[in-house]
Amino acid sequence: MPKSLPAAPYITARRWSTSNARAALAALSASGLSASAFATREGLDVQRLHRWRRQLAPAPHEERRGSAFVEVVPHPAERVEIALRSGHVLRVAESIDMAALRRLVEALELPSSC
């Protein structure tokens, strides 16, 4: 009979350390599930995930100093794909106006009110 894998520390820990929270948020991101679906699957409180996501998010002034872009990938037909830290992906024409692109990025990178 195959051995079962040990439970992830964020599942068994009553109180999360920062490393537990980072592990849980990384697993959430890798799962492709919504926070609610992931929490249900893992037996977690979804509010805990939201709280740690807010706590570990960079401060607004830190975000402005760093680039909002994670990755830029050229596409055929002069298209560019831009993966943002928020998880959003923009696919835009290579010739997009930079001011318009900046407004799009700022709008998508704002914390949601949900």
N, C-alpha and C. Protein backbone atom coordinates (compact mmCIF):
# COMPACT_ATOMS: atom_id res chain seq x y z
N MET A 1 0.84 -1.17 0.00
CA MET A 1 0.00 0.00 0.00
C MET A 1 0.89 1.24 0.00
N PRO A 2 0.66 2.20 -0.93
CA PRO A 2 1.54 3.37 -0.99
C PRO A 2 1.38 4.25 0.25
N LYS A 3 2.50 4.86 0.64
CA LYS A 3 2.47 5.76 1.79
C LYS A 3 1.80 7.05 1.38
N SER A 4 1.00 7.60 2.29
CA SER A 4 0.38 8.90 2.00
C SER A 4 1.40 9.99 2.32
N LEU A 5 1.32 11.06 1.56
CA LEU A 5 2.23 12.17 1.78
C LEU A 5 1.84 12.90 3.06
N PRO A 6 2.85 13.44 3.78
CA PRO A 6 2.50 14.21 4.98
C PRO A 6 1.74 15.47 4.59
N ALA A 7 0.87 15.90 5.47
CA ALA A 7 0.09 17.11 5.20
C ALA A 7 1.01 18.32 5.16
N ALA A 8 0.69 19.25 4.29
CA ALA A 8 1.47 20.48 4.21
C ALA A 8 1.41 21.20 5.55
N PRO A 9 2.50 21.86 5.96
CA PRO A 9 2.53 22.52 7.27
C PRO A 9 1.42 23.55 7.45
N TYR A 10 1.01 24.21 6.36
CA TYR A 10 -0.05 25.22 6.49
C TYR A 10 -1.40 24.57 6.79
N ILE A 11 -1.54 23.28 6.54
CA ILE A 11 -2.79 22.59 6.84
C ILE A 11 -2.85 22.20 8.32
N THR A 12 -1.72 21.77 8.86
CA THR A 12 -1.71 21.26 10.23
C THR A 12 -1.40 22.32 11.28
N ALA A 13 -0.81 23.45 10.88
CA ALA A 13 -0.42 24.48 11.86
C ALA A 13 -1.64 25.25 12.34
N ARG A 14 -1.75 25.37 13.65
CA ARG A 14 -2.86 26.15 14.22
C ARG A 14 -2.65 27.63 13.92
N ARG A 15 -1.42 28.10 14.09
CA ARG A 15 -1.06 29.48 13.76
C ARG A 15 -0.01 29.42 12.67
N TRP A 16 -0.19 30.24 11.65
CA TRP A 16 0.74 30.21 10.53
C TRP A 16 1.92 31.14 10.76
N SER A 17 3.09 30.63 10.42
CA SER A 17 4.26 31.49 10.33
C SER A 17 4.23 32.12 8.94
N THR A 18 5.10 33.06 8.71
CA THR A 18 5.18 33.68 7.38
C THR A 18 5.51 32.63 6.33
N SER A 19 6.37 31.68 6.66
CA SER A 19 6.72 30.65 5.68
C SER A 19 5.52 29.72 5.41
N ASN A 20 4.71 29.43 6.42
CA ASN A 20 3.49 28.65 6.19
C ASN A 20 2.55 29.39 5.25
N ALA A 21 2.40 30.69 5.50
CA ALA A 21 1.50 31.51 4.66
C ALA A 21 2.00 31.57 3.23
N ARG A 22 3.30 31.78 3.05
CA ARG A 22 3.87 31.82 1.69
C ARG A 22 3.66 30.48 0.99
N ALA A 23 3.84 29.38 1.71
CA ALA A 23 3.64 28.05 1.12
C ALA A 23 2.18 27.86 0.71
N ALA A 24 1.26 28.29 1.56
CA ALA A 24 -0.16 28.16 1.25
C ALA A 24 -0.53 29.01 0.04
N LEU A 25 -0.04 30.24 -0.01
CA LEU A 25 -0.35 31.12 -1.13
C LEU A 25 0.29 30.63 -2.43
N ALA A 26 1.48 30.03 -2.32
CA ALA A 26 2.11 29.45 -3.51
C ALA A 26 1.30 28.25 -4.01
N ALA A 27 0.83 27.42 -3.08
CA ALA A 27 0.01 26.26 -3.46
C ALA A 27 -1.31 26.72 -4.07
N LEU A 28 -1.88 27.77 -3.51
CA LEU A 28 -3.11 28.34 -4.07
C LEU A 28 -2.87 28.81 -5.50
N SER A 29 -1.81 29.54 -5.70
CA SER A 29 -1.48 30.05 -7.04
C SER A 29 -1.24 28.91 -8.02
N ALA A 30 -0.52 27.89 -7.60
CA ALA A 30 -0.21 26.75 -8.47
C ALA A 30 -1.45 25.91 -8.77
N SER A 31 -2.43 25.95 -7.88
CA SER A 31 -3.61 25.11 -8.06
C SER A 31 -4.51 25.58 -9.19
N GLY A 32 -4.49 26.88 -9.47
CA GLY A 32 -5.38 27.42 -10.49
C GLY A 32 -6.81 27.58 -9.99
N LEU A 33 -7.05 27.30 -8.71
CA LEU A 33 -8.38 27.39 -8.12
C LEU A 33 -8.61 28.78 -7.54
N SER A 34 -9.86 29.11 -7.33
CA SER A 34 -10.18 30.34 -6.60
C SER A 34 -9.76 30.11 -5.15
N ALA A 35 -9.62 31.20 -4.42
CA ALA A 35 -9.24 31.08 -3.00
C ALA A 35 -10.28 30.26 -2.25
N SER A 36 -11.55 30.47 -2.57
CA SER A 36 -12.62 29.75 -1.89
C SER A 36 -12.55 28.24 -2.18
N ALA A 37 -12.38 27.89 -3.46
CA ALA A 37 -12.31 26.47 -3.83
C ALA A 37 -11.07 25.81 -3.22
N PHE A 38 -9.95 26.52 -3.23
CA PHE A 38 -8.72 25.98 -2.65
C PHE A 38 -8.89 25.76 -1.15
N ALA A 39 -9.47 26.76 -0.47
CA ALA A 39 -9.68 26.65 0.98
C ALA A 39 -10.58 25.46 1.31
N THR A 40 -11.62 25.28 0.54
CA THR A 40 -12.53 24.15 0.75
C THR A 40 -11.79 22.84 0.56
N ARG A 41 -11.02 22.74 -0.53
CA ARG A 41 -10.29 21.51 -0.82
C ARG A 41 -9.27 21.18 0.28
N GLU A 42 -8.60 22.21 0.81
CA GLU A 42 -7.55 21.99 1.80
C GLU A 42 -8.05 22.01 3.24
N GLY A 43 -9.33 22.34 3.43
CA GLY A 43 -9.87 22.42 4.78
C GLY A 43 -9.40 23.65 5.53
N LEU A 44 -9.25 24.77 4.81
CA LEU A 44 -8.76 26.01 5.39
C LEU A 44 -9.87 27.06 5.44
N ASP A 45 -9.64 28.07 6.24
CA ASP A 45 -10.54 29.22 6.29
C ASP A 45 -10.12 30.17 5.18
N VAL A 46 -11.01 30.47 4.26
CA VAL A 46 -10.67 31.33 3.12
C VAL A 46 -10.24 32.71 3.60
N GLN A 47 -10.80 33.19 4.71
CA GLN A 47 -10.40 34.51 5.21
C GLN A 47 -8.94 34.54 5.63
N ARG A 48 -8.43 33.42 6.09
CA ARG A 48 -7.01 33.34 6.46
C ARG A 48 -6.14 33.55 5.23
N LEU A 49 -6.54 32.95 4.12
CA LEU A 49 -5.79 33.14 2.87
C LEU A 49 -5.83 34.61 2.44
N HIS A 50 -7.01 35.21 2.49
CA HIS A 50 -7.14 36.62 2.10
C HIS A 50 -6.31 37.52 3.02
N ARG A 51 -6.36 37.25 4.32
CA ARG A 51 -5.63 38.07 5.28
C ARG A 51 -4.12 38.00 5.02
N TRP A 52 -3.60 36.79 4.81
CA TRP A 52 -2.17 36.65 4.56
C TRP A 52 -1.79 37.23 3.20
N ARG A 53 -2.65 37.12 2.22
CA ARG A 53 -2.36 37.71 0.91
C ARG A 53 -2.18 39.23 1.05
N ARG A 54 -3.07 39.85 1.85
CA ARG A 54 -2.95 41.30 2.09
C ARG A 54 -1.68 41.62 2.88
N GLN A 55 -1.39 40.82 3.91
CA GLN A 55 -0.22 41.09 4.76
C GLN A 55 1.09 40.94 3.99
N LEU A 56 1.15 40.00 3.06
CA LEU A 56 2.39 39.75 2.34
C LEU A 56 2.51 40.58 1.06
N ALA A 57 1.47 41.30 0.71
CA ALA A 57 1.52 42.15 -0.49
C ALA A 57 2.49 43.29 -0.23
N PRO A 58 3.24 43.70 -1.25
CA PRO A 58 4.15 44.83 -1.06
C PRO A 58 3.37 46.11 -0.77
N ALA A 59 3.96 46.98 0.01
CA ALA A 59 3.33 48.27 0.30
C ALA A 59 3.19 49.05 -1.00
N PRO A 60 2.15 49.89 -1.12
CA PRO A 60 1.93 50.63 -2.37
C PRO A 60 3.15 51.42 -2.83
N HIS A 61 3.90 52.04 -1.92
CA HIS A 61 5.07 52.81 -2.34
C HIS A 61 6.18 51.90 -2.84
N GLU A 62 6.25 50.66 -2.36
CA GLU A 62 7.25 49.71 -2.85
C GLU A 62 6.91 49.24 -4.25
N GLU A 63 5.61 49.07 -4.51
CA GLU A 63 5.19 48.62 -5.84
C GLU A 63 5.54 49.65 -6.89
N ARG A 64 5.38 50.94 -6.56
CA ARG A 64 5.64 51.97 -7.55
C ARG A 64 7.11 52.02 -7.93
N ARG A 65 8.00 51.72 -6.98
CA ARG A 65 9.42 51.76 -7.29
C ARG A 65 9.83 50.62 -8.20
N GLY A 66 9.27 49.44 -7.98
CA GLY A 66 9.61 48.28 -8.79
C GLY A 66 8.74 48.20 -10.02
N SER A 67 9.17 47.43 -10.95
CA SER A 67 8.38 47.26 -12.17
C SER A 67 7.16 46.40 -11.87
N ALA A 68 6.04 46.77 -12.49
CA ALA A 68 4.82 45.98 -12.33
C ALA A 68 4.83 44.78 -13.25
N PHE A 69 5.77 44.73 -14.17
CA PHE A 69 5.82 43.65 -15.14
C PHE A 69 6.60 42.47 -14.59
N VAL A 70 6.08 41.29 -14.81
CA VAL A 70 6.77 40.08 -14.42
C VAL A 70 7.51 39.51 -15.63
N GLU A 71 6.82 39.46 -16.74
CA GLU A 71 7.40 38.83 -17.92
C GLU A 71 6.76 39.43 -19.17
N VAL A 72 7.56 39.67 -20.18
CA VAL A 72 7.06 40.15 -21.47
C VAL A 72 7.47 39.13 -22.51
N VAL A 73 6.48 38.59 -23.24
CA VAL A 73 6.74 37.55 -24.23
C VAL A 73 6.25 38.03 -25.59
N PRO A 74 7.14 38.10 -26.61
CA PRO A 74 6.68 38.51 -27.94
C PRO A 74 5.75 37.46 -28.54
N HIS A 75 4.76 37.92 -29.28
CA HIS A 75 3.81 37.05 -29.95
C HIS A 75 3.79 37.40 -31.43
N PRO A 76 3.33 36.47 -32.25
CA PRO A 76 3.22 36.78 -33.68
C PRO A 76 2.30 37.96 -33.92
N ALA A 77 2.42 38.56 -35.07
CA ALA A 77 1.57 39.68 -35.50
C ALA A 77 1.78 40.90 -34.61
N GLU A 78 3.03 41.11 -34.20
CA GLU A 78 3.40 42.28 -33.41
C GLU A 78 2.57 42.42 -32.13
N ARG A 79 2.30 41.32 -31.50
CA ARG A 79 1.59 41.33 -30.21
C ARG A 79 2.60 41.05 -29.11
N VAL A 80 2.31 41.58 -27.94
CA VAL A 80 3.16 41.37 -26.77
C VAL A 80 2.26 40.87 -25.64
N GLU A 81 2.73 39.87 -24.91
CA GLU A 81 2.02 39.36 -23.75
C GLU A 81 2.77 39.81 -22.51
N ILE A 82 2.03 40.42 -21.58
CA ILE A 82 2.64 40.95 -20.36
C ILE A 82 1.97 40.28 -19.17
N ALA A 83 2.75 39.52 -18.40
CA ALA A 83 2.23 38.86 -17.19
C ALA A 83 2.51 39.79 -16.01
N LEU A 84 1.46 40.16 -15.28
CA LEU A 84 1.58 41.07 -14.16
C LEU A 84 1.68 40.30 -12.85
N ARG A 85 2.19 40.96 -11.81
CA ARG A 85 2.30 40.31 -10.50
C ARG A 85 0.95 39.87 -9.97
N SER A 86 -0.10 40.57 -10.34
CA SER A 86 -1.44 40.25 -9.86
C SER A 86 -1.97 38.95 -10.44
N GLY A 87 -1.30 38.43 -11.50
CA GLY A 87 -1.78 37.23 -12.17
C GLY A 87 -2.50 37.54 -13.46
N HIS A 88 -2.85 38.81 -13.68
CA HIS A 88 -3.47 39.20 -14.94
C HIS A 88 -2.45 39.09 -16.06
N VAL A 89 -2.94 38.80 -17.25
CA VAL A 89 -2.09 38.75 -18.44
C VAL A 89 -2.68 39.69 -19.47
N LEU A 90 -1.86 40.62 -19.94
CA LEU A 90 -2.28 41.55 -20.98
C LEU A 90 -1.71 41.09 -22.30
N ARG A 91 -2.53 41.09 -23.33
CA ARG A 91 -2.05 40.83 -24.68
C ARG A 91 -2.38 42.07 -25.48
N VAL A 92 -1.35 42.80 -25.86
CA VAL A 92 -1.55 44.09 -26.52
C VAL A 92 -0.70 44.17 -27.77
N ALA A 93 -1.07 45.12 -28.64
CA ALA A 93 -0.26 45.38 -29.82
C ALA A 93 1.07 45.97 -29.38
N GLU A 94 2.12 45.61 -30.08
CA GLU A 94 3.45 46.11 -29.77
C GLU A 94 3.48 47.64 -29.85
N SER A 95 2.60 48.21 -30.65
CA SER A 95 2.58 49.66 -30.86
C SER A 95 1.68 50.40 -29.88
N ILE A 96 1.24 49.75 -28.80
CA ILE A 96 0.33 50.40 -27.84
C ILE A 96 0.97 51.66 -27.28
N ASP A 97 0.14 52.67 -27.09
CA ASP A 97 0.59 53.91 -26.47
C ASP A 97 1.02 53.62 -25.03
N MET A 98 2.22 54.06 -24.66
CA MET A 98 2.76 53.74 -23.34
C MET A 98 1.91 54.32 -22.21
N ALA A 99 1.32 55.48 -22.41
CA ALA A 99 0.46 56.06 -21.37
C ALA A 99 -0.78 55.18 -21.16
N ALA A 100 -1.33 54.68 -22.27
CA ALA A 100 -2.50 53.79 -22.16
C ALA A 100 -2.11 52.49 -21.47
N LEU A 101 -0.95 51.95 -21.82
CA LEU A 101 -0.48 50.72 -21.18
C LEU A 101 -0.28 50.95 -19.69
N ARG A 102 0.31 52.06 -19.32
CA ARG A 102 0.54 52.37 -17.91
C ARG A 102 -0.79 52.43 -17.15
N ARG A 103 -1.82 53.06 -17.74
CA ARG A 103 -3.13 53.14 -17.09
C ARG A 103 -3.74 51.75 -16.92
N LEU A 104 -3.60 50.89 -17.94
CA LEU A 104 -4.11 49.52 -17.84
C LEU A 104 -3.43 48.77 -16.70
N VAL A 105 -2.11 48.86 -16.66
CA VAL A 105 -1.34 48.15 -15.63
C VAL A 105 -1.74 48.65 -14.25
N GLU A 106 -1.81 49.97 -14.08
CA GLU A 106 -2.18 50.53 -12.77
C GLU A 106 -3.58 50.06 -12.35
N ALA A 107 -4.51 50.04 -13.30
CA ALA A 107 -5.87 49.60 -12.97
C ALA A 107 -5.91 48.14 -12.57
N LEU A 108 -5.16 47.30 -13.25
CA LEU A 108 -5.18 45.87 -12.95
C LEU A 108 -4.39 45.52 -11.70
N GLU A 109 -3.42 46.33 -11.33
CA GLU A 109 -2.59 46.05 -10.17
C GLU A 109 -3.18 46.61 -8.87
N LEU A 110 -4.25 47.41 -8.96
CA LEU A 110 -4.88 47.93 -7.75
C LEU A 110 -5.49 46.78 -6.97
N PRO A 111 -5.36 46.80 -5.62
CA PRO A 111 -5.99 45.74 -4.83
C PRO A 111 -7.50 45.78 -5.02
N SER A 112 -8.10 44.61 -5.15
CA SER A 112 -9.54 44.55 -5.32
C SER A 112 -10.21 44.79 -3.98
N SER A 113 -11.45 45.24 -4.03
CA SER A 113 -12.18 45.53 -2.79
C SER A 113 -12.93 44.32 -2.27
N CYS A 114 -12.76 43.15 -2.90
CA CYS A 114 -13.51 41.97 -2.44
C CYS A 114 -12.76 41.21 -1.41
